[in-house]
Amino acid sequence: MGASREMIDAVKSGDVAKVKALLETDAALVNAQAESGESAILLATYYGRKEVAEVLLATGAELDIFEASAVGHAGRITVLLRDHLARVNSYASDGWTPLHLAAFFGHAEAAKILVAQGANVEALSRNSTANTPLHAAVAGRKTDLVKLLLDSGANVNAQTGNGWRPLHLAAHGGHKELTETLLGKSAEVNAKNGEGQTPLTIAIEKSYEGVADLLRQHAGTT
């Protein structure tokens, strides 16, 4: 197994000691990439390996626009966009835009910078989810990012490739505050996804009674 593969495996498993040992042997491994294209710092963020991410950042990982957005490094984002503004709407190898990443991981300052610099709040991810940054914020359960995106013009009723709207995701996650926020912005309470489910049927199926009651009130049913 090559050193880069060892690094990626250690990052995914959260083996901090192994990551440190590999970096001591070869500091360049801080920028190791998986075969699928994701970097070590991005994978550490995806897998929730916070301590590993901190080690990589402290070692000097050279952040690109996607990594900077995923970890919320506002200063780095500003520099990267100043050098090449088109990066704001670029796509990572796994199909996400910088705004999708900032939204999902809850980095409000990063998201504000991206939006101010022209990030498309309606951009569809180029992967199997085919979702928008608003979907990403809801999936990440980040209410402040949801509000920020809605205030920035995001379509509250945007659909994923399989017809899921943000309200479907909020109901599926049992998140009452997010559900209230979306309903307050005129989310279509009776909209059906590709499987014919409404947010209410999803909430009932998942036994989220508080969310179900809220949806019933807005649907005018009992």
N, C-alpha and C. Protein backbone atom coordinates (compact mmCIF):
# COMPACT_ATOMS: atom_id res chain seq x y z
N MET A 1 0.84 -1.19 0.00
CA MET A 1 0.00 0.00 0.00
C MET A 1 0.88 1.25 0.00
N GLY A 2 0.61 2.19 -0.91
CA GLY A 2 1.39 3.41 -0.98
C GLY A 2 1.10 4.34 0.18
N ALA A 3 2.00 5.29 0.39
CA ALA A 3 1.85 6.22 1.51
C ALA A 3 0.60 7.06 1.39
N SER A 4 0.25 7.47 0.17
CA SER A 4 -0.95 8.29 -0.02
C SER A 4 -2.20 7.50 0.38
N ARG A 5 -2.24 6.24 -0.01
CA ARG A 5 -3.38 5.39 0.34
C ARG A 5 -3.44 5.20 1.85
N GLU A 6 -2.29 5.01 2.48
CA GLU A 6 -2.25 4.88 3.94
C GLU A 6 -2.79 6.13 4.61
N MET A 7 -2.41 7.28 4.08
CA MET A 7 -2.87 8.54 4.65
C MET A 7 -4.39 8.66 4.52
N ILE A 8 -4.90 8.37 3.35
CA ILE A 8 -6.34 8.48 3.13
C ILE A 8 -7.10 7.53 4.05
N ASP A 9 -6.61 6.30 4.19
CA ASP A 9 -7.26 5.33 5.08
C ASP A 9 -7.22 5.80 6.53
N ALA A 10 -6.09 6.37 6.94
CA ALA A 10 -5.94 6.86 8.32
C ALA A 10 -6.88 8.03 8.57
N VAL A 11 -7.02 8.88 7.58
CA VAL A 11 -7.93 10.03 7.70
C VAL A 11 -9.36 9.55 7.86
N LYS A 12 -9.78 8.63 7.01
CA LYS A 12 -11.15 8.13 7.06
C LYS A 12 -11.48 7.47 8.40
N SER A 13 -10.51 6.74 8.94
CA SER A 13 -10.75 6.02 10.19
C SER A 13 -10.55 6.90 11.42
N GLY A 14 -10.02 8.10 11.21
CA GLY A 14 -9.80 9.00 12.34
C GLY A 14 -8.59 8.64 13.17
N ASP A 15 -7.63 7.97 12.58
CA ASP A 15 -6.41 7.53 13.29
C ASP A 15 -5.42 8.69 13.34
N VAL A 16 -5.56 9.53 14.36
CA VAL A 16 -4.74 10.74 14.48
C VAL A 16 -3.26 10.41 14.59
N ALA A 17 -2.94 9.40 15.39
CA ALA A 17 -1.53 9.02 15.57
C ALA A 17 -0.90 8.59 14.25
N LYS A 18 -1.64 7.83 13.48
CA LYS A 18 -1.14 7.37 12.18
C LYS A 18 -0.95 8.54 11.22
N VAL A 19 -1.90 9.46 11.23
CA VAL A 19 -1.80 10.64 10.37
C VAL A 19 -0.55 11.45 10.72
N LYS A 20 -0.34 11.65 12.02
CA LYS A 20 0.83 12.42 12.46
C LYS A 20 2.13 11.71 12.07
N ALA A 21 2.15 10.39 12.24
CA ALA A 21 3.36 9.62 11.90
C ALA A 21 3.67 9.71 10.41
N LEU A 22 2.65 9.62 9.60
CA LEU A 22 2.85 9.71 8.15
C LEU A 22 3.33 11.10 7.74
N LEU A 23 2.80 12.12 8.38
CA LEU A 23 3.20 13.48 8.07
C LEU A 23 4.64 13.75 8.50
N GLU A 24 5.05 13.12 9.60
CA GLU A 24 6.43 13.28 10.05
C GLU A 24 7.40 12.64 9.05
N THR A 25 6.93 11.58 8.42
CA THR A 25 7.74 10.91 7.40
C THR A 25 7.79 11.70 6.10
N ASP A 26 6.63 12.26 5.74
CA ASP A 26 6.54 13.02 4.48
C ASP A 26 5.44 14.06 4.62
N ALA A 27 5.83 15.30 4.87
CA ALA A 27 4.87 16.38 5.08
C ALA A 27 3.99 16.63 3.86
N ALA A 28 4.47 16.24 2.68
CA ALA A 28 3.69 16.45 1.45
C ALA A 28 2.40 15.63 1.44
N LEU A 29 2.33 14.62 2.30
CA LEU A 29 1.13 13.80 2.37
C LEU A 29 -0.07 14.57 2.90
N VAL A 30 0.16 15.77 3.41
CA VAL A 30 -0.94 16.61 3.87
C VAL A 30 -1.91 16.91 2.73
N ASN A 31 -1.39 16.86 1.51
CA ASN A 31 -2.22 17.12 0.34
C ASN A 31 -2.55 15.85 -0.45
N ALA A 32 -2.50 14.70 0.23
CA ALA A 32 -2.82 13.42 -0.41
C ALA A 32 -4.26 13.42 -0.91
N GLN A 33 -4.50 12.68 -1.97
CA GLN A 33 -5.84 12.58 -2.54
C GLN A 33 -6.26 11.12 -2.69
N ALA A 34 -7.56 10.89 -2.52
CA ALA A 34 -8.11 9.56 -2.76
C ALA A 34 -8.19 9.33 -4.26
N GLU A 35 -8.35 8.08 -4.66
CA GLU A 35 -8.45 7.76 -6.09
C GLU A 35 -9.64 8.47 -6.74
N SER A 36 -10.67 8.72 -5.94
CA SER A 36 -11.87 9.39 -6.46
C SER A 36 -11.71 10.90 -6.56
N GLY A 37 -10.58 11.41 -6.07
CA GLY A 37 -10.29 12.83 -6.24
C GLY A 37 -10.38 13.68 -4.99
N GLU A 38 -11.04 13.19 -3.94
CA GLU A 38 -11.18 13.99 -2.73
C GLU A 38 -9.84 14.06 -1.98
N SER A 39 -9.56 15.22 -1.43
CA SER A 39 -8.32 15.42 -0.68
C SER A 39 -8.46 14.91 0.75
N ALA A 40 -7.34 14.81 1.43
CA ALA A 40 -7.34 14.35 2.81
C ALA A 40 -8.17 15.26 3.70
N ILE A 41 -8.01 16.58 3.54
CA ILE A 41 -8.75 17.51 4.40
C ILE A 41 -10.25 17.45 4.11
N LEU A 42 -10.61 17.26 2.85
CA LEU A 42 -12.03 17.17 2.52
C LEU A 42 -12.63 15.89 3.09
N LEU A 43 -11.90 14.79 3.00
CA LEU A 43 -12.40 13.53 3.56
C LEU A 43 -12.49 13.59 5.08
N ALA A 44 -11.54 14.26 5.71
CA ALA A 44 -11.60 14.41 7.17
C ALA A 44 -12.88 15.15 7.56
N THR A 45 -13.24 16.14 6.77
CA THR A 45 -14.45 16.91 7.02
C THR A 45 -15.69 16.06 6.75
N TYR A 46 -15.71 15.34 5.64
CA TYR A 46 -16.84 14.49 5.29
C TYR A 46 -17.10 13.42 6.35
N TYR A 47 -16.01 12.85 6.87
CA TYR A 47 -16.14 11.75 7.84
C TYR A 47 -16.25 12.25 9.28
N GLY A 48 -16.28 13.55 9.47
CA GLY A 48 -16.42 14.11 10.81
C GLY A 48 -15.20 13.90 11.69
N ARG A 49 -14.02 13.81 11.08
CA ARG A 49 -12.77 13.59 11.82
C ARG A 49 -12.15 14.95 12.16
N LYS A 50 -12.74 15.63 13.11
CA LYS A 50 -12.35 17.00 13.44
C LYS A 50 -10.89 17.10 13.85
N GLU A 51 -10.43 16.19 14.71
CA GLU A 51 -9.05 16.26 15.18
C GLU A 51 -8.07 16.03 14.04
N VAL A 52 -8.40 15.12 13.15
CA VAL A 52 -7.55 14.87 11.98
C VAL A 52 -7.50 16.12 11.11
N ALA A 53 -8.65 16.74 10.91
CA ALA A 53 -8.70 17.96 10.10
C ALA A 53 -7.83 19.05 10.70
N GLU A 54 -7.86 19.16 12.03
CA GLU A 54 -7.05 20.17 12.70
C GLU A 54 -5.56 19.91 12.50
N VAL A 55 -5.17 18.63 12.54
CA VAL A 55 -3.77 18.26 12.32
C VAL A 55 -3.35 18.63 10.89
N LEU A 56 -4.20 18.33 9.94
CA LEU A 56 -3.90 18.62 8.54
C LEU A 56 -3.78 20.12 8.31
N LEU A 57 -4.67 20.88 8.91
CA LEU A 57 -4.63 22.33 8.75
C LEU A 57 -3.38 22.91 9.40
N ALA A 58 -3.04 22.39 10.57
CA ALA A 58 -1.86 22.88 11.28
C ALA A 58 -0.57 22.54 10.53
N THR A 59 -0.62 21.46 9.75
CA THR A 59 0.56 21.03 8.99
C THR A 59 0.71 21.84 7.70
N GLY A 60 -0.32 22.60 7.37
CA GLY A 60 -0.22 23.46 6.19
C GLY A 60 -0.91 22.95 4.95
N ALA A 61 -2.02 22.25 5.13
CA ALA A 61 -2.77 21.79 3.96
C ALA A 61 -3.12 22.99 3.09
N GLU A 62 -2.85 22.86 1.80
CA GLU A 62 -3.11 23.96 0.86
C GLU A 62 -4.55 23.86 0.38
N LEU A 63 -5.41 24.69 0.94
CA LEU A 63 -6.84 24.59 0.69
C LEU A 63 -7.25 25.16 -0.66
N ASP A 64 -8.04 24.36 -1.40
CA ASP A 64 -8.65 24.91 -2.61
C ASP A 64 -10.02 25.47 -2.22
N ILE A 65 -10.78 25.93 -3.19
CA ILE A 65 -12.05 26.59 -2.88
C ILE A 65 -13.04 25.64 -2.20
N PHE A 66 -13.01 24.37 -2.54
CA PHE A 66 -13.95 23.41 -1.96
C PHE A 66 -13.56 23.08 -0.52
N GLU A 67 -12.29 22.87 -0.30
CA GLU A 67 -11.81 22.57 1.06
C GLU A 67 -12.03 23.77 1.97
N ALA A 68 -11.72 24.96 1.48
CA ALA A 68 -11.89 26.16 2.28
C ALA A 68 -13.36 26.37 2.64
N SER A 69 -14.25 26.04 1.73
CA SER A 69 -15.69 26.17 1.99
C SER A 69 -16.17 25.12 2.98
N ALA A 70 -15.65 23.91 2.86
CA ALA A 70 -16.06 22.82 3.75
C ALA A 70 -15.61 23.05 5.19
N VAL A 71 -14.45 23.67 5.38
CA VAL A 71 -13.95 23.91 6.74
C VAL A 71 -14.27 25.32 7.22
N GLY A 72 -14.84 26.15 6.35
CA GLY A 72 -15.24 27.49 6.75
C GLY A 72 -14.11 28.49 6.87
N HIS A 73 -13.09 28.35 6.04
CA HIS A 73 -11.94 29.27 6.08
C HIS A 73 -12.26 30.48 5.20
N ALA A 74 -12.93 31.47 5.80
CA ALA A 74 -13.40 32.63 5.05
C ALA A 74 -12.27 33.41 4.40
N GLY A 75 -11.16 33.56 5.11
CA GLY A 75 -10.04 34.30 4.57
C GLY A 75 -9.48 33.67 3.31
N ARG A 76 -9.34 32.36 3.33
CA ARG A 76 -8.82 31.64 2.18
C ARG A 76 -9.78 31.74 0.99
N ILE A 77 -11.07 31.67 1.27
CA ILE A 77 -12.07 31.80 0.21
C ILE A 77 -11.95 33.16 -0.47
N THR A 78 -11.79 34.19 0.34
CA THR A 78 -11.66 35.55 -0.20
C THR A 78 -10.46 35.66 -1.12
N VAL A 79 -9.34 35.11 -0.70
CA VAL A 79 -8.12 35.16 -1.51
C VAL A 79 -8.31 34.39 -2.82
N LEU A 80 -8.87 33.20 -2.73
CA LEU A 80 -9.05 32.37 -3.92
C LEU A 80 -9.98 33.03 -4.94
N LEU A 81 -11.03 33.66 -4.45
CA LEU A 81 -11.98 34.30 -5.36
C LEU A 81 -11.41 35.59 -5.94
N ARG A 82 -10.58 36.25 -5.17
CA ARG A 82 -9.94 37.46 -5.67
C ARG A 82 -9.01 37.12 -6.84
N ASP A 83 -8.37 35.97 -6.73
CA ASP A 83 -7.46 35.54 -7.79
C ASP A 83 -8.20 34.98 -9.01
N HIS A 84 -9.36 34.36 -8.77
CA HIS A 84 -10.07 33.71 -9.87
C HIS A 84 -11.55 33.59 -9.49
N LEU A 85 -12.34 34.59 -9.83
CA LEU A 85 -13.73 34.66 -9.39
C LEU A 85 -14.59 33.50 -9.89
N ALA A 86 -14.25 32.95 -11.05
CA ALA A 86 -15.05 31.86 -11.62
C ALA A 86 -15.11 30.64 -10.70
N ARG A 87 -14.18 30.55 -9.76
CA ARG A 87 -14.19 29.42 -8.82
C ARG A 87 -15.47 29.38 -7.99
N VAL A 88 -16.14 30.50 -7.86
CA VAL A 88 -17.30 30.57 -6.98
C VAL A 88 -18.41 29.61 -7.40
N ASN A 89 -18.50 29.33 -8.69
CA ASN A 89 -19.53 28.40 -9.19
C ASN A 89 -18.94 27.15 -9.82
N SER A 90 -17.74 26.79 -9.39
CA SER A 90 -17.10 25.58 -9.91
C SER A 90 -17.63 24.35 -9.17
N TYR A 91 -17.32 23.18 -9.71
CA TYR A 91 -17.78 21.92 -9.12
C TYR A 91 -16.60 21.05 -8.71
N ALA A 92 -16.71 20.46 -7.53
CA ALA A 92 -15.68 19.53 -7.05
C ALA A 92 -15.82 18.20 -7.78
N SER A 93 -14.84 17.33 -7.61
CA SER A 93 -14.87 16.04 -8.30
C SER A 93 -16.07 15.19 -7.90
N ASP A 94 -16.61 15.45 -6.71
CA ASP A 94 -17.77 14.68 -6.26
C ASP A 94 -19.09 15.42 -6.50
N GLY A 95 -19.02 16.51 -7.28
CA GLY A 95 -20.25 17.15 -7.73
C GLY A 95 -20.80 18.30 -6.93
N TRP A 96 -20.12 18.71 -5.87
CA TRP A 96 -20.61 19.81 -5.04
C TRP A 96 -19.99 21.14 -5.44
N THR A 97 -20.75 22.21 -5.26
CA THR A 97 -20.20 23.55 -5.43
C THR A 97 -19.68 24.02 -4.07
N PRO A 98 -18.88 25.08 -4.03
CA PRO A 98 -18.44 25.61 -2.74
C PRO A 98 -19.61 25.95 -1.82
N LEU A 99 -20.68 26.50 -2.39
CA LEU A 99 -21.82 26.89 -1.56
C LEU A 99 -22.53 25.68 -0.97
N HIS A 100 -22.63 24.59 -1.71
CA HIS A 100 -23.20 23.36 -1.15
C HIS A 100 -22.42 22.95 0.11
N LEU A 101 -21.11 23.00 0.02
CA LEU A 101 -20.27 22.55 1.13
C LEU A 101 -20.37 23.48 2.33
N ALA A 102 -20.31 24.78 2.09
CA ALA A 102 -20.44 25.74 3.19
C ALA A 102 -21.80 25.60 3.85
N ALA A 103 -22.84 25.37 3.05
CA ALA A 103 -24.20 25.25 3.57
C ALA A 103 -24.36 24.00 4.42
N PHE A 104 -23.90 22.86 3.91
CA PHE A 104 -24.07 21.60 4.63
C PHE A 104 -23.31 21.61 5.96
N PHE A 105 -22.09 22.14 5.95
CA PHE A 105 -21.28 22.11 7.16
C PHE A 105 -21.51 23.32 8.07
N GLY A 106 -22.41 24.20 7.68
CA GLY A 106 -22.84 25.26 8.58
C GLY A 106 -21.91 26.44 8.74
N HIS A 107 -21.23 26.83 7.68
CA HIS A 107 -20.29 27.95 7.77
C HIS A 107 -20.93 29.21 7.17
N ALA A 108 -21.58 29.97 8.04
CA ALA A 108 -22.34 31.14 7.58
C ALA A 108 -21.47 32.20 6.94
N GLU A 109 -20.33 32.51 7.56
CA GLU A 109 -19.47 33.56 7.02
C GLU A 109 -18.96 33.18 5.64
N ALA A 110 -18.56 31.93 5.49
CA ALA A 110 -18.10 31.44 4.19
C ALA A 110 -19.22 31.54 3.16
N ALA A 111 -20.42 31.15 3.56
CA ALA A 111 -21.56 31.19 2.64
C ALA A 111 -21.88 32.63 2.23
N LYS A 112 -21.80 33.55 3.18
CA LYS A 112 -22.07 34.96 2.87
C LYS A 112 -21.09 35.49 1.83
N ILE A 113 -19.83 35.14 1.98
CA ILE A 113 -18.81 35.58 1.02
C ILE A 113 -19.09 35.00 -0.35
N LEU A 114 -19.41 33.72 -0.39
CA LEU A 114 -19.68 33.05 -1.67
C LEU A 114 -20.88 33.68 -2.37
N VAL A 115 -21.95 33.91 -1.62
CA VAL A 115 -23.15 34.51 -2.20
C VAL A 115 -22.86 35.93 -2.68
N ALA A 116 -22.13 36.69 -1.87
CA ALA A 116 -21.79 38.07 -2.25
C ALA A 116 -20.95 38.12 -3.52
N GLN A 117 -20.19 37.06 -3.76
CA GLN A 117 -19.32 37.01 -4.93
C GLN A 117 -19.98 36.30 -6.13
N GLY A 118 -21.29 36.07 -6.01
CA GLY A 118 -22.02 35.54 -7.15
C GLY A 118 -22.31 34.06 -7.18
N ALA A 119 -22.18 33.38 -6.05
CA ALA A 119 -22.50 31.95 -6.02
C ALA A 119 -23.96 31.74 -6.39
N ASN A 120 -24.22 30.76 -7.21
CA ASN A 120 -25.57 30.44 -7.66
C ASN A 120 -26.31 29.66 -6.57
N VAL A 121 -27.29 30.30 -5.95
CA VAL A 121 -28.02 29.64 -4.86
C VAL A 121 -28.95 28.55 -5.39
N GLU A 122 -29.13 28.49 -6.70
CA GLU A 122 -29.98 27.47 -7.31
C GLU A 122 -29.17 26.35 -7.98
N ALA A 123 -27.86 26.37 -7.82
CA ALA A 123 -27.01 25.37 -8.48
C ALA A 123 -27.39 23.95 -8.06
N LEU A 124 -27.52 23.07 -9.04
CA LEU A 124 -27.79 21.66 -8.75
C LEU A 124 -26.47 20.91 -8.68
N SER A 125 -26.33 20.09 -7.66
CA SER A 125 -25.11 19.29 -7.54
C SER A 125 -25.02 18.32 -8.71
N ARG A 126 -23.81 18.05 -9.14
CA ARG A 126 -23.60 17.13 -10.26
C ARG A 126 -23.25 15.74 -9.74
N ASN A 127 -24.20 15.17 -9.02
CA ASN A 127 -24.06 13.82 -8.49
C ASN A 127 -25.46 13.21 -8.37
N SER A 128 -25.56 12.07 -7.73
CA SER A 128 -26.84 11.36 -7.69
C SER A 128 -27.94 12.11 -6.95
N THR A 129 -27.58 13.02 -6.05
CA THR A 129 -28.61 13.75 -5.31
C THR A 129 -29.25 14.85 -6.15
N ALA A 130 -28.48 15.47 -7.03
CA ALA A 130 -28.96 16.58 -7.86
C ALA A 130 -29.74 17.58 -7.01
N ASN A 131 -29.12 18.06 -5.94
CA ASN A 131 -29.82 18.98 -5.05
C ASN A 131 -29.20 20.37 -5.06
N THR A 132 -29.84 21.29 -4.35
CA THR A 132 -29.40 22.68 -4.28
C THR A 132 -28.69 22.94 -2.95
N PRO A 133 -28.01 24.08 -2.82
CA PRO A 133 -27.41 24.42 -1.53
C PRO A 133 -28.44 24.46 -0.40
N LEU A 134 -29.68 24.86 -0.71
CA LEU A 134 -30.72 24.88 0.32
C LEU A 134 -31.00 23.47 0.82
N HIS A 135 -31.09 22.51 -0.08
CA HIS A 135 -31.25 21.12 0.34
C HIS A 135 -30.08 20.71 1.25
N ALA A 136 -28.88 21.13 0.86
CA ALA A 136 -27.69 20.77 1.63
C ALA A 136 -27.76 21.34 3.04
N ALA A 137 -28.20 22.58 3.16
CA ALA A 137 -28.32 23.21 4.47
C ALA A 137 -29.36 22.50 5.34
N VAL A 138 -30.47 22.09 4.72
CA VAL A 138 -31.50 21.36 5.45
C VAL A 138 -30.98 20.00 5.87
N ALA A 139 -30.31 19.31 4.96
CA ALA A 139 -29.75 17.99 5.28
C ALA A 139 -28.73 18.09 6.41
N GLY A 140 -28.00 19.19 6.45
CA GLY A 140 -27.01 19.41 7.50
C GLY A 140 -27.62 19.95 8.78
N ARG A 141 -28.94 20.20 8.77
CA ARG A 141 -29.68 20.70 9.92
C ARG A 141 -29.13 22.05 10.39
N LYS A 142 -28.84 22.91 9.44
CA LYS A 142 -28.25 24.22 9.73
C LYS A 142 -29.29 25.32 9.48
N THR A 143 -30.06 25.65 10.51
CA THR A 143 -31.15 26.60 10.37
C THR A 143 -30.67 27.98 9.93
N ASP A 144 -29.53 28.44 10.47
CA ASP A 144 -29.04 29.76 10.09
C ASP A 144 -28.67 29.82 8.61
N LEU A 145 -28.13 28.72 8.09
CA LEU A 145 -27.78 28.68 6.67
C LEU A 145 -29.03 28.62 5.80
N VAL A 146 -30.04 27.92 6.28
CA VAL A 146 -31.31 27.86 5.55
C VAL A 146 -31.89 29.26 5.42
N LYS A 147 -31.90 30.00 6.52
CA LYS A 147 -32.43 31.36 6.50
C LYS A 147 -31.60 32.26 5.59
N LEU A 148 -30.29 32.12 5.66
CA LEU A 148 -29.39 32.92 4.82
C LEU A 148 -29.66 32.67 3.34
N LEU A 149 -29.79 31.42 2.97
CA LEU A 149 -30.02 31.08 1.57
C LEU A 149 -31.39 31.55 1.09
N LEU A 150 -32.40 31.39 1.93
CA LEU A 150 -33.74 31.85 1.56
C LEU A 150 -33.75 33.37 1.39
N ASP A 151 -33.07 34.06 2.29
CA ASP A 151 -32.98 35.53 2.19
C ASP A 151 -32.18 35.96 0.97
N SER A 152 -31.36 35.05 0.45
CA SER A 152 -30.53 35.35 -0.72
C SER A 152 -31.19 34.93 -2.02
N GLY A 153 -32.45 34.50 -1.93
CA GLY A 153 -33.20 34.18 -3.14
C GLY A 153 -33.33 32.72 -3.49
N ALA A 154 -32.91 31.83 -2.61
CA ALA A 154 -33.05 30.40 -2.90
C ALA A 154 -34.52 30.01 -3.00
N ASN A 155 -34.84 29.14 -3.93
CA ASN A 155 -36.20 28.67 -4.14
C ASN A 155 -36.58 27.66 -3.07
N VAL A 156 -37.53 28.02 -2.23
CA VAL A 156 -37.94 27.15 -1.12
C VAL A 156 -38.54 25.85 -1.61
N ASN A 157 -39.02 25.84 -2.85
CA ASN A 157 -39.65 24.64 -3.41
C ASN A 157 -38.80 23.94 -4.47
N ALA A 158 -37.50 24.21 -4.46
CA ALA A 158 -36.60 23.55 -5.41
C ALA A 158 -36.66 22.04 -5.22
N GLN A 159 -36.52 21.31 -6.32
CA GLN A 159 -36.61 19.85 -6.27
C GLN A 159 -35.27 19.18 -6.60
N THR A 160 -35.02 18.07 -5.94
CA THR A 160 -33.85 17.25 -6.27
C THR A 160 -34.19 16.42 -7.50
N GLY A 161 -33.24 15.61 -7.92
CA GLY A 161 -33.47 14.75 -9.07
C GLY A 161 -34.63 13.78 -8.88
N ASN A 162 -34.93 13.43 -7.62
CA ASN A 162 -36.04 12.50 -7.36
C ASN A 162 -37.24 13.21 -6.71
N GLY A 163 -37.30 14.52 -6.93
CA GLY A 163 -38.50 15.26 -6.52
C GLY A 163 -38.58 15.69 -5.07
N TRP A 164 -37.52 15.50 -4.31
CA TRP A 164 -37.55 15.91 -2.91
C TRP A 164 -37.33 17.42 -2.81
N ARG A 165 -38.19 18.07 -2.05
CA ARG A 165 -38.04 19.49 -1.78
C ARG A 165 -37.42 19.65 -0.39
N PRO A 166 -36.94 20.84 -0.07
CA PRO A 166 -36.37 21.04 1.26
C PRO A 166 -37.32 20.63 2.38
N LEU A 167 -38.62 20.87 2.20
CA LEU A 167 -39.58 20.51 3.24
C LEU A 167 -39.66 19.00 3.44
N HIS A 168 -39.52 18.23 2.38
CA HIS A 168 -39.47 16.77 2.52
C HIS A 168 -38.29 16.37 3.40
N LEU A 169 -37.14 17.00 3.16
CA LEU A 169 -35.94 16.67 3.93
C LEU A 169 -36.09 17.05 5.40
N ALA A 170 -36.68 18.22 5.64
CA ALA A 170 -36.88 18.66 7.02
C ALA A 170 -37.80 17.69 7.76
N ALA A 171 -38.85 17.24 7.08
CA ALA A 171 -39.78 16.28 7.69
C ALA A 171 -39.09 14.95 7.93
N HIS A 172 -38.29 14.53 6.97
CA HIS A 172 -37.58 13.25 7.09
C HIS A 172 -36.61 13.27 8.27
N GLY A 173 -36.04 14.44 8.55
CA GLY A 173 -35.10 14.56 9.66
C GLY A 173 -35.76 14.88 10.99
N GLY A 174 -37.08 15.10 10.97
CA GLY A 174 -37.79 15.40 12.21
C GLY A 174 -37.40 16.74 12.82
N HIS A 175 -37.01 17.68 11.97
CA HIS A 175 -36.51 18.96 12.45
C HIS A 175 -37.64 20.00 12.41
N LYS A 176 -38.21 20.27 13.58
CA LYS A 176 -39.37 21.15 13.65
C LYS A 176 -39.03 22.60 13.30
N GLU A 177 -37.90 23.10 13.81
CA GLU A 177 -37.54 24.50 13.54
C GLU A 177 -37.32 24.73 12.04
N LEU A 178 -36.64 23.79 11.40
CA LEU A 178 -36.43 23.92 9.96
C LEU A 178 -37.76 23.85 9.21
N THR A 179 -38.64 22.98 9.66
CA THR A 179 -39.95 22.85 9.04
C THR A 179 -40.71 24.17 9.15
N GLU A 180 -40.68 24.77 10.33
CA GLU A 180 -41.35 26.06 10.54
C GLU A 180 -40.76 27.14 9.65
N THR A 181 -39.44 27.16 9.55
CA THR A 181 -38.75 28.16 8.73
C THR A 181 -39.17 28.04 7.27
N LEU A 182 -39.19 26.83 6.75
CA LEU A 182 -39.56 26.61 5.35
C LEU A 182 -41.03 26.94 5.10
N LEU A 183 -41.90 26.54 6.02
CA LEU A 183 -43.32 26.85 5.87
C LEU A 183 -43.55 28.36 5.91
N GLY A 184 -42.75 29.04 6.73
CA GLY A 184 -42.86 30.49 6.82
C GLY A 184 -42.45 31.20 5.54
N LYS A 185 -41.75 30.49 4.68
CA LYS A 185 -41.33 31.04 3.38
C LYS A 185 -42.15 30.43 2.23
N SER A 186 -43.35 29.95 2.58
CA SER A 186 -44.31 29.44 1.59
C SER A 186 -43.91 28.13 0.92
N ALA A 187 -43.27 27.26 1.67
CA ALA A 187 -43.00 25.92 1.14
C ALA A 187 -44.34 25.21 0.90
N GLU A 188 -44.44 24.49 -0.20
CA GLU A 188 -45.68 23.80 -0.56
C GLU A 188 -45.86 22.56 0.33
N VAL A 189 -46.78 22.67 1.25
CA VAL A 189 -46.93 21.65 2.28
C VAL A 189 -47.42 20.31 1.73
N ASN A 190 -48.17 20.33 0.63
CA ASN A 190 -48.72 19.09 0.09
C ASN A 190 -47.97 18.56 -1.13
N ALA A 191 -46.80 19.11 -1.40
CA ALA A 191 -46.02 18.67 -2.56
C ALA A 191 -45.60 17.21 -2.41
N LYS A 192 -45.63 16.47 -3.52
CA LYS A 192 -45.23 15.06 -3.50
C LYS A 192 -43.86 14.90 -4.14
N ASN A 193 -43.07 13.98 -3.57
CA ASN A 193 -41.77 13.67 -4.16
C ASN A 193 -41.94 12.58 -5.22
N GLY A 194 -40.83 12.10 -5.74
CA GLY A 194 -40.88 11.10 -6.79
C GLY A 194 -41.52 9.79 -6.37
N GLU A 195 -41.59 9.55 -5.05
CA GLU A 195 -42.22 8.33 -4.55
C GLU A 195 -43.68 8.56 -4.16
N GLY A 196 -44.17 9.77 -4.45
CA GLY A 196 -45.56 10.09 -4.12
C GLY A 196 -45.79 10.48 -2.68
N GLN A 197 -44.72 10.76 -1.94
CA GLN A 197 -44.85 11.12 -0.53
C GLN A 197 -44.92 12.63 -0.35
N THR A 198 -45.76 13.06 0.58
CA THR A 198 -45.78 14.46 0.99
C THR A 198 -44.91 14.58 2.25
N PRO A 199 -44.54 15.79 2.64
CA PRO A 199 -43.80 15.95 3.89
C PRO A 199 -44.55 15.33 5.08
N LEU A 200 -45.89 15.46 5.08
CA LEU A 200 -46.68 14.92 6.18
C LEU A 200 -46.60 13.40 6.22
N THR A 201 -46.74 12.74 5.08
CA THR A 201 -46.68 11.27 5.10
C THR A 201 -45.30 10.79 5.55
N ILE A 202 -44.28 11.55 5.21
CA ILE A 202 -42.92 11.19 5.65
C ILE A 202 -42.81 11.34 7.16
N ALA A 203 -43.30 12.45 7.70
CA ALA A 203 -43.22 12.69 9.14
C ALA A 203 -43.99 11.63 9.92
N ILE A 204 -45.15 11.24 9.41
CA ILE A 204 -45.95 10.20 10.06
C ILE A 204 -45.22 8.86 10.02
N GLU A 205 -44.67 8.55 8.86
CA GLU A 205 -43.94 7.29 8.70
C GLU A 205 -42.75 7.20 9.65
N LYS A 206 -42.10 8.36 9.88
CA LYS A 206 -40.92 8.41 10.76
C LYS A 206 -41.30 8.64 12.23
N SER A 207 -42.59 8.76 12.50
CA SER A 207 -43.10 8.96 13.87
C SER A 207 -42.63 10.27 14.50
N TYR A 208 -42.53 11.32 13.68
CA TYR A 208 -42.18 12.65 14.19
C TYR A 208 -43.49 13.42 14.38
N GLU A 209 -44.13 13.20 15.53
CA GLU A 209 -45.46 13.74 15.76
C GLU A 209 -45.49 15.26 15.79
N GLY A 210 -44.47 15.88 16.38
CA GLY A 210 -44.44 17.34 16.44
C GLY A 210 -44.40 17.96 15.06
N VAL A 211 -43.57 17.40 14.21
CA VAL A 211 -43.46 17.88 12.83
C VAL A 211 -44.76 17.59 12.08
N ALA A 212 -45.32 16.41 12.30
CA ALA A 212 -46.57 16.04 11.63
C ALA A 212 -47.69 16.99 12.01
N ASP A 213 -47.79 17.33 13.29
CA ASP A 213 -48.83 18.25 13.74
C ASP A 213 -48.67 19.62 13.09
N LEU A 214 -47.44 20.07 12.99
CA LEU A 214 -47.16 21.37 12.37
C LEU A 214 -47.57 21.36 10.90
N LEU A 215 -47.25 20.28 10.22
CA LEU A 215 -47.61 20.17 8.80
C LEU A 215 -49.13 20.08 8.62
N ARG A 216 -49.80 19.39 9.53
CA ARG A 216 -51.27 19.31 9.46
C ARG A 216 -51.89 20.69 9.59
N GLN A 217 -51.36 21.48 10.52
CA GLN A 217 -51.89 22.83 10.73
C GLN A 217 -51.78 23.66 9.46
N HIS A 218 -50.66 23.56 8.79
CA HIS A 218 -50.46 24.35 7.58
C HIS A 218 -51.22 23.77 6.39
N ALA A 219 -51.51 22.49 6.45
CA ALA A 219 -52.26 21.87 5.35
C ALA A 219 -53.76 22.05 5.54
N GLY A 220 -54.15 22.53 6.72
CA GLY A 220 -55.56 22.74 7.00
C GLY A 220 -56.30 21.46 7.28
N THR A 221 -55.54 20.42 7.75
CA THR A 221 -56.17 19.14 8.07
C THR A 221 -56.00 18.87 9.55
N THR A 222 -56.65 17.82 10.01
CA THR A 222 -56.55 17.44 11.42
C THR A 222 -56.06 16.02 11.54
